[in-house]
């Protein structure tokens, strides 16, 4: 049977006193660890690249036209009852828009937008310059677009230049470099999230080594997403409006022609013997009435389609936009020094404890 060891309080106190006495004797070791803990973070901070953060927040208001019943009736008078009409789920509902913002198509479109005052130089060219990607490539690459398109985009603040640049044929090498940039930016530079998990306020954050890139990329990423978002949400309703508009215009031309035709057959003071001459006028008037009825129905459907288009068009409202100068997200020297000093002292004390118990 093993003997039970008795722990005496006096022995514990003597052990603690011995450990603190050992700590005083190992002051140089603790000081060395503290100095290393102080110096290493400072060196790391000195070699760390700038991290300029640009954040854009926006509110997304979803709309649905309503599929039938009460919502269908309400939509005819311009009211929107949301999902009461069984409108179904949206492509962009929930967190899907977060994935769309970080999609390859959207990011590449933004990369190919021109920077104002640079003679067609794009954000992709700027990224290649400051990120050091050019040094990793076997040969130089450029994504500059014609100056005329770049100037038009800068003046009108529209994504037309980006669309032209994306649709323009690229070489396999250019596409490969764009894909490398997309993967790096999507993983390291772009973050998208809700401010509230149950809310509809979203935040886009871009962190890079260049202020111009961060600010422009953040703003244009939202702009391109909004354009794509609205186009997809309203494409069906807009196509229906255009089809009905074309049909209405065609019927209006026929109705005008019938009106002139009916007027040409009118006979002033017709003789009884010439009553048969009024038959063409009657036929023309009848055709006019038929065309008018069809035109009235098409016009009504056209107005209802326009109301549906308005009710399906989402609303994206900006809350905050990045402004110069952007803040550098790197930790300050003082904070890193304090953390490193405390960590160094802790490591030194732990090392002394290890050596003391190993004696």
Protein backbone atom coordinates (compact mmCIF):
# COMPACT_ATOMS: atom_id res chain seq x y z
CA UNK A 1 0.00 0.00 0.00
CA UNK A 2 1.49 3.35 -1.12
CA UNK A 3 2.28 5.89 1.55
CA UNK A 4 0.26 9.10 1.58
CA UNK A 5 2.35 12.25 1.34
CA UNK A 6 1.51 15.03 3.73
CA UNK A 7 1.79 18.58 2.38
CA UNK A 8 2.91 21.03 4.99
CA UNK A 9 2.00 24.68 4.58
CA UNK A 10 5.44 25.71 5.66
CA UNK A 11 7.02 23.67 2.88
CA UNK A 12 4.74 25.34 0.31
CA UNK A 13 5.70 28.79 1.57
CA UNK A 14 9.39 27.87 1.48
CA UNK A 15 8.99 26.59 -2.11
CA UNK A 16 7.33 29.83 -3.21
CA UNK A 17 10.06 31.88 -1.51
CA UNK A 18 12.69 29.77 -3.21
CA UNK A 19 11.03 30.31 -6.62
CA UNK A 20 10.91 34.09 -6.22
CA UNK A 21 14.50 34.06 -5.07
CA UNK A 22 15.33 32.08 -8.20
CA UNK A 23 13.44 34.63 -10.30
CA UNK A 24 15.58 37.44 -8.88
CA UNK A 25 18.69 35.50 -9.74
CA UNK A 26 17.41 35.04 -13.32
CA UNK A 27 16.69 38.71 -13.88
CA UNK A 28 18.95 38.82 -16.93
CA UNK A 29 17.03 35.99 -18.61
CA UNK A 30 13.68 37.69 -17.97
CA UNK A 31 15.07 41.02 -19.17
CA UNK A 32 16.37 39.36 -22.35
CA UNK A 33 12.96 37.85 -23.06
CA UNK A 34 11.31 41.23 -22.40
CA UNK A 35 13.69 42.99 -24.80
CA UNK A 36 13.07 40.36 -27.48
CA UNK A 37 9.32 40.70 -26.95
CA UNK A 38 9.68 44.46 -27.34
CA UNK A 39 11.92 44.43 -30.41
CA UNK A 40 10.30 41.68 -32.50
CA UNK A 41 6.88 43.41 -32.85
CA UNK A 42 8.60 46.71 -33.71
CA UNK A 43 10.61 45.00 -36.45
CA UNK A 44 7.45 43.29 -37.71
CA UNK A 45 5.61 46.64 -37.74
CA UNK A 46 8.46 48.30 -39.64
CA UNK A 47 8.33 45.70 -42.42
CA UNK A 48 4.54 45.45 -42.49
CA UNK A 49 2.93 46.98 -45.58
CA UNK A 50 0.28 49.72 -45.26
CA UNK A 51 -3.33 48.58 -44.99
CA UNK A 52 -5.74 51.29 -46.09
CA UNK A 53 -9.35 50.30 -45.42
CA UNK A 54 -12.30 51.71 -47.38
CA UNK A 55 -15.81 50.77 -46.27
CA UNK A 56 -19.14 51.31 -48.01
CA UNK A 57 -22.43 50.57 -46.30
CA UNK A 58 -25.80 50.40 -48.04
CA UNK A 59 -29.41 49.42 -47.44
CA UNK A 60 -31.03 46.87 -49.74
CA UNK A 61 -34.81 47.05 -49.98
CA UNK A 62 -36.30 44.02 -51.69
CA UNK A 63 -39.54 44.37 -53.69
CA UNK A 64 -41.89 41.88 -55.30
CA UNK A 65 -44.79 42.50 -57.60
CA UNK A 66 -47.12 39.92 -56.11
CA UNK A 67 -48.39 36.94 -58.04
CA UNK A 68 -52.18 37.11 -57.71
CA UNK A 69 -55.14 37.56 -55.44
CA UNK A 70 -55.11 40.63 -53.24
CA UNK A 71 -51.55 41.55 -54.20
CA UNK A 72 -52.42 41.29 -57.90
CA UNK A 73 -55.34 43.67 -57.50
CA UNK A 74 -53.26 46.05 -55.39
CA UNK A 75 -50.48 46.10 -58.00
CA UNK A 76 -52.94 47.51 -60.57
CA UNK A 77 -53.36 50.66 -58.49
CA UNK A 78 -49.66 50.98 -57.64
CA UNK A 79 -49.68 49.25 -54.23
CA UNK A 80 -47.14 46.61 -53.22
CA UNK A 81 -48.11 43.99 -50.65
CA UNK A 82 -44.77 42.20 -50.77
CA UNK A 83 -44.90 38.42 -50.34
CA UNK A 84 -48.65 38.29 -49.64
CA UNK A 85 -49.18 37.52 -53.28
CA UNK A 86 -46.89 34.54 -53.25
CA UNK A 87 -44.13 36.21 -55.19
CA UNK A 88 -41.64 33.52 -54.33
CA UNK A 89 -38.02 33.77 -53.30
CA UNK A 90 -35.60 36.17 -54.89
CA UNK A 91 -32.31 35.35 -56.49
CA UNK A 92 -30.74 38.03 -54.31
CA UNK A 93 -32.63 37.30 -51.09
CA UNK A 94 -30.71 36.35 -47.99
CA UNK A 95 -26.96 36.07 -48.26
CA UNK A 96 -26.84 35.40 -52.01
CA UNK A 97 -25.94 39.03 -52.70
CA UNK A 98 -22.80 38.59 -50.57
CA UNK A 99 -21.56 35.89 -52.95
CA UNK A 100 -22.53 37.96 -56.01
CA UNK A 101 -20.48 40.93 -54.78
CA UNK A 102 -17.40 38.70 -54.52
CA UNK A 103 -18.04 36.89 -57.81
CA UNK A 104 -15.37 36.78 -60.51
CA UNK A 105 -17.51 38.61 -63.07
CA UNK A 106 -18.16 41.60 -60.79
CA UNK A 107 -14.59 41.86 -59.48
CA UNK A 108 -13.08 41.67 -62.97
CA UNK A 109 -15.48 44.34 -64.21
CA UNK A 110 -14.36 46.62 -61.40
CA UNK A 111 -10.68 45.90 -62.07
CA UNK A 112 -11.15 46.94 -65.70
CA UNK A 113 -12.65 50.35 -64.87
CA UNK A 114 -10.40 53.34 -65.65
CA UNK A 115 -8.83 55.66 -63.11
CA UNK A 116 -9.57 59.31 -63.81
CA UNK A 117 -6.60 61.37 -64.93
CA UNK A 118 -4.41 58.41 -65.90
CA UNK A 119 -5.01 58.22 -69.69
CA UNK A 120 -6.88 54.93 -69.59
CA UNK A 121 -4.98 53.21 -66.79
CA UNK A 122 -7.28 50.78 -64.97
CA UNK A 123 -7.53 49.55 -61.40
CA UNK A 124 -6.01 46.29 -62.61
CA UNK A 125 -2.87 48.14 -63.74
CA UNK A 126 -2.71 49.95 -60.40
CA UNK A 127 -3.05 46.67 -58.50
CA UNK A 128 -0.28 45.05 -60.54
CA UNK A 129 2.01 48.00 -59.70
CA UNK A 130 1.59 48.28 -55.93
CA UNK A 131 0.99 44.61 -55.06
CA UNK A 132 4.28 43.39 -56.49
CA UNK A 133 2.44 41.05 -58.86
CA UNK A 134 4.40 42.44 -61.82
CA UNK A 135 7.61 41.00 -60.34
CA UNK A 136 6.05 37.53 -60.25
CA UNK A 137 4.90 37.64 -63.88
CA UNK A 138 7.10 36.34 -66.71
CA UNK A 139 6.39 39.42 -68.85
CA UNK A 140 4.75 42.85 -68.42
CA UNK A 141 0.97 43.09 -68.74
CA UNK A 142 -1.34 46.04 -69.33
CA UNK A 143 -5.10 46.45 -69.14
CA UNK A 144 -5.25 50.11 -70.21
CA UNK A 145 -8.30 51.08 -72.26
CA UNK A 146 -8.63 53.74 -74.98
CA UNK A 147 -8.48 57.27 -73.60
CA UNK A 148 -11.81 58.21 -75.24
CA UNK A 149 -13.70 55.47 -73.39
CA UNK A 150 -11.90 56.26 -70.14
CA UNK A 151 -12.78 59.97 -70.42
CA UNK A 152 -16.43 59.18 -71.17
CA UNK A 153 -16.67 56.90 -68.17
CA UNK A 154 -15.05 59.46 -65.87
CA UNK A 155 -17.37 62.25 -67.03
CA UNK A 156 -20.62 60.29 -66.98
CA UNK A 157 -19.77 58.17 -63.90
CA UNK A 158 -21.18 55.11 -65.65
CA UNK A 159 -19.84 51.56 -65.93
CA UNK A 160 -19.90 51.67 -69.73
CA UNK A 161 -16.13 51.70 -69.95
CA UNK A 162 -15.91 48.63 -67.78
CA UNK A 163 -18.46 46.82 -69.94
CA UNK A 164 -16.53 47.74 -73.08
CA UNK A 165 -13.28 46.60 -71.53
CA UNK A 166 -14.73 43.29 -70.35
CA UNK A 167 -16.36 42.59 -73.72
CA UNK A 168 -13.14 43.46 -75.56
CA UNK A 169 -11.11 40.34 -76.40
CA UNK A 170 -8.24 39.61 -74.04
CA UNK A 171 -5.31 37.33 -74.58
CA UNK A 172 -4.99 34.10 -72.62
CA UNK A 173 -2.16 35.71 -70.67
CA UNK A 174 -4.30 38.69 -69.69
CA UNK A 175 -7.18 36.44 -68.62
CA UNK A 176 -4.78 34.37 -66.52
CA UNK A 177 -3.44 37.46 -64.76
CA UNK A 178 -6.99 38.71 -64.16
CA UNK A 179 -7.87 35.38 -62.57
CA UNK A 180 -4.85 35.55 -60.27
CA UNK A 181 -5.85 39.07 -59.22
CA UNK A 182 -9.45 37.96 -58.65
CA UNK A 183 -8.40 35.11 -56.36
CA UNK A 184 -6.08 37.31 -54.32
CA UNK A 185 -8.54 40.17 -53.98
CA UNK A 186 -11.51 37.94 -53.14
CA UNK A 187 -9.56 36.13 -50.42
CA UNK A 188 -7.38 38.89 -48.95
CA UNK A 189 -8.76 42.32 -49.86
CA UNK A 190 -12.57 42.12 -49.99
CA UNK A 191 -14.93 41.39 -47.12
CA UNK A 192 -18.72 41.67 -47.32
CA UNK A 193 -21.14 41.11 -44.48
CA UNK A 194 -24.37 42.25 -42.87
CA UNK A 195 -24.13 44.76 -40.07
CA UNK A 196 -27.02 42.93 -38.45
CA UNK A 197 -27.62 39.24 -39.16
CA UNK A 198 -31.37 39.84 -39.43
CA UNK A 199 -31.19 43.25 -41.10
CA UNK A 200 -30.83 44.50 -44.65
CA UNK A 201 -27.80 46.77 -44.13
CA UNK A 202 -24.64 45.50 -45.82
CA UNK A 203 -21.02 46.59 -45.54
CA UNK A 204 -18.30 46.26 -48.18
CA UNK A 205 -14.73 46.63 -46.90
CA UNK A 206 -11.64 46.85 -49.10
CA UNK A 207 -8.16 46.74 -47.55
CA UNK A 208 -5.07 47.32 -49.69
CA UNK A 209 -1.72 49.07 -49.72
CA UNK A 210 -2.99 51.91 -51.92
CA UNK A 211 -5.55 54.53 -50.89
CA UNK A 212 -6.73 55.21 -54.45
CA UNK A 213 -7.31 51.52 -55.12
CA UNK A 214 -9.18 50.92 -51.85
CA UNK A 215 -11.54 53.88 -52.25
CA UNK A 216 -12.29 53.42 -55.95
CA UNK A 217 -12.64 49.65 -55.72
CA UNK A 218 -15.08 49.90 -52.80
CA UNK A 219 -17.32 52.43 -54.56
CA UNK A 220 -17.24 50.74 -57.97
CA UNK A 221 -17.80 47.28 -56.54
CA UNK A 222 -21.13 48.47 -55.18
CA UNK A 223 -21.95 50.30 -58.42
CA UNK A 224 -21.33 47.25 -60.62
CA UNK A 225 -23.25 45.00 -58.24
CA UNK A 226 -26.18 47.42 -58.20
CA UNK A 227 -26.27 47.58 -62.01
CA UNK A 228 -26.20 43.79 -62.36
CA UNK A 229 -28.70 43.38 -59.52
CA UNK A 230 -31.28 45.77 -60.96
CA UNK A 231 -30.89 44.37 -64.50
CA UNK A 232 -31.52 40.79 -63.39
CA UNK A 233 -34.38 41.69 -61.04
CA UNK A 234 -36.23 43.74 -63.65
CA UNK A 235 -35.25 41.98 -66.89
CA UNK A 236 -38.49 39.99 -67.25
CA UNK A 237 -40.78 42.92 -66.42
CA UNK A 238 -38.76 45.28 -68.64
CA UNK A 239 -38.95 42.87 -71.58
CA UNK A 240 -42.71 42.65 -71.12
CA UNK A 241 -43.02 46.44 -71.07
CA UNK A 242 -40.98 46.76 -74.28
CA UNK A 243 -43.06 44.07 -76.01
CA UNK A 244 -46.35 45.73 -75.06
CA UNK A 245 -44.98 49.16 -76.00
CA UNK A 246 -44.05 47.91 -79.47
CA UNK A 247 -47.46 46.30 -79.87
CA UNK A 248 -49.22 49.46 -78.70
CA UNK A 249 -47.24 51.64 -81.11
CA UNK A 250 -48.10 49.30 -83.98
CA UNK A 251 -51.80 49.35 -83.13
CA UNK A 252 -51.75 53.13 -82.81
CA UNK A 253 -50.41 53.43 -86.35
CA UNK A 254 -53.14 51.09 -87.63
CA UNK A 255 -55.79 53.04 -85.68
CA UNK A 256 -54.63 56.33 -87.18
CA UNK A 257 -54.71 54.83 -90.65
CA UNK A 258 -58.24 53.54 -90.08
CA UNK A 259 -59.37 56.98 -88.88
CA UNK A 260 -58.08 58.64 -92.05
CA UNK A 261 -59.60 55.85 -94.15
CA UNK A 262 -63.03 56.24 -92.50
CA UNK A 263 -62.93 60.00 -93.01
CA UNK A 264 -62.18 59.57 -96.73
CA UNK A 265 -65.38 57.55 -97.23
CA UNK A 266 -67.69 60.13 -95.67
CA UNK A 267 -70.25 61.57 -98.22
CA UNK A 268 -71.81 64.96 -97.72
CA UNK A 269 -75.57 65.04 -98.41
CA UNK A 270 -75.67 61.62 -100.08
CA UNK A 271 -78.50 60.96 -102.49
CA UNK A 272 -80.81 58.05 -101.71
CA UNK A 273 -79.72 56.44 -104.92
CA UNK A 274 -76.13 56.39 -103.69
CA UNK A 275 -76.70 54.75 -100.26
CA UNK A 276 -74.50 51.87 -101.31
CA UNK A 277 -71.59 54.30 -101.24
CA UNK A 278 -71.84 54.43 -97.40
CA UNK A 279 -70.98 50.73 -97.03
CA UNK A 280 -67.16 51.23 -97.25
CA UNK A 281 -67.42 53.97 -94.60
CA UNK A 282 -69.36 51.66 -92.29
CA UNK A 283 -66.86 48.83 -92.78
CA UNK A 284 -63.95 51.18 -92.13
CA UNK A 285 -65.65 52.55 -89.00
CA UNK A 286 -66.23 49.01 -87.73
CA UNK A 287 -62.58 48.08 -88.28
CA UNK A 288 -61.59 51.25 -86.47
CA UNK A 289 -63.74 50.31 -83.47
CA UNK A 290 -62.19 46.83 -83.33
CA UNK A 291 -58.65 48.19 -83.53
CA UNK A 292 -59.48 50.80 -80.90
CA UNK A 293 -60.74 48.11 -78.50
CA UNK A 294 -57.57 46.07 -78.96
CA UNK A 295 -55.43 49.18 -78.55
CA UNK A 296 -57.25 50.13 -75.32
CA UNK A 297 -56.65 46.65 -73.88
CA UNK A 298 -52.97 46.67 -74.83
CA UNK A 299 -52.56 50.15 -73.33
CA UNK A 300 -54.15 48.96 -70.08
CA UNK A 301 -51.84 45.95 -69.93
CA UNK A 302 -48.88 48.21 -70.72
CA UNK A 303 -49.66 50.47 -67.75
CA UNK A 304 -50.08 47.46 -65.47
CA UNK A 305 -46.70 46.12 -66.67
CA UNK A 306 -45.08 49.49 -65.93
CA UNK A 307 -46.50 49.41 -62.41
CA UNK A 308 -45.16 45.87 -61.98
CA UNK A 309 -41.75 47.00 -63.24
CA UNK A 310 -41.65 49.82 -60.70
CA UNK A 311 -42.74 47.51 -57.89
CA UNK A 312 -40.03 44.97 -58.78
CA UNK A 313 -37.21 47.50 -59.05
CA UNK A 314 -35.11 47.21 -55.87
CA UNK A 315 -33.96 50.23 -53.92
CA UNK A 316 -30.31 50.47 -52.85
CA UNK A 317 -29.59 53.41 -50.57
CA UNK A 318 -26.05 54.42 -49.66
CA UNK A 319 -25.33 55.06 -45.98
CA UNK A 320 -21.58 55.63 -45.78
CA UNK A 321 -18.91 56.05 -48.45
CA UNK A 322 -15.11 56.14 -48.02
CA UNK A 323 -13.41 59.53 -47.97
CA UNK A 324 -9.80 60.63 -48.11
CA UNK A 325 -7.58 60.28 -46.20
CA UNK A 326 -8.15 56.61 -45.46
CA UNK A 327 -7.03 55.26 -42.11
CA UNK A 328 -4.11 52.83 -41.95
CA UNK A 329 -5.39 49.66 -40.26
CA UNK A 330 -1.95 48.58 -39.06
CA UNK A 331 -1.51 48.42 -35.29
CA UNK A 332 0.42 51.31 -33.77
CA UNK A 333 4.02 51.00 -32.59
CA UNK A 334 3.00 51.74 -28.99
CA UNK A 335 0.36 49.04 -28.85
CA UNK A 336 2.60 46.43 -30.44
CA UNK A 337 5.45 47.40 -28.12
CA UNK A 338 3.28 47.05 -25.02
CA UNK A 339 1.88 43.70 -26.12
CA UNK A 340 5.35 42.44 -27.02
CA UNK A 341 6.84 43.61 -23.70
CA UNK A 342 4.14 41.87 -21.65
CA UNK A 343 4.43 38.73 -23.75
CA UNK A 344 8.22 38.72 -23.34
CA UNK A 345 7.99 39.03 -19.54
CA UNK A 346 5.41 36.24 -19.42
CA UNK A 347 7.59 33.95 -21.53
CA UNK A 348 10.61 34.75 -19.35
CA UNK A 349 8.74 33.93 -16.11
CA UNK A 350 7.33 30.73 -17.62
CA UNK A 351 10.82 29.70 -18.77
CA UNK A 352 12.19 30.32 -15.27
CA UNK A 353 9.37 28.25 -13.78
CA UNK A 354 10.19 25.42 -16.17
CA UNK A 355 13.89 25.54 -15.28
CA UNK A 356 13.12 25.78 -11.54
CA UNK A 357 10.87 22.71 -11.53
CA UNK A 358 13.40 20.79 -13.60
CA UNK A 359 16.14 21.28 -11.02
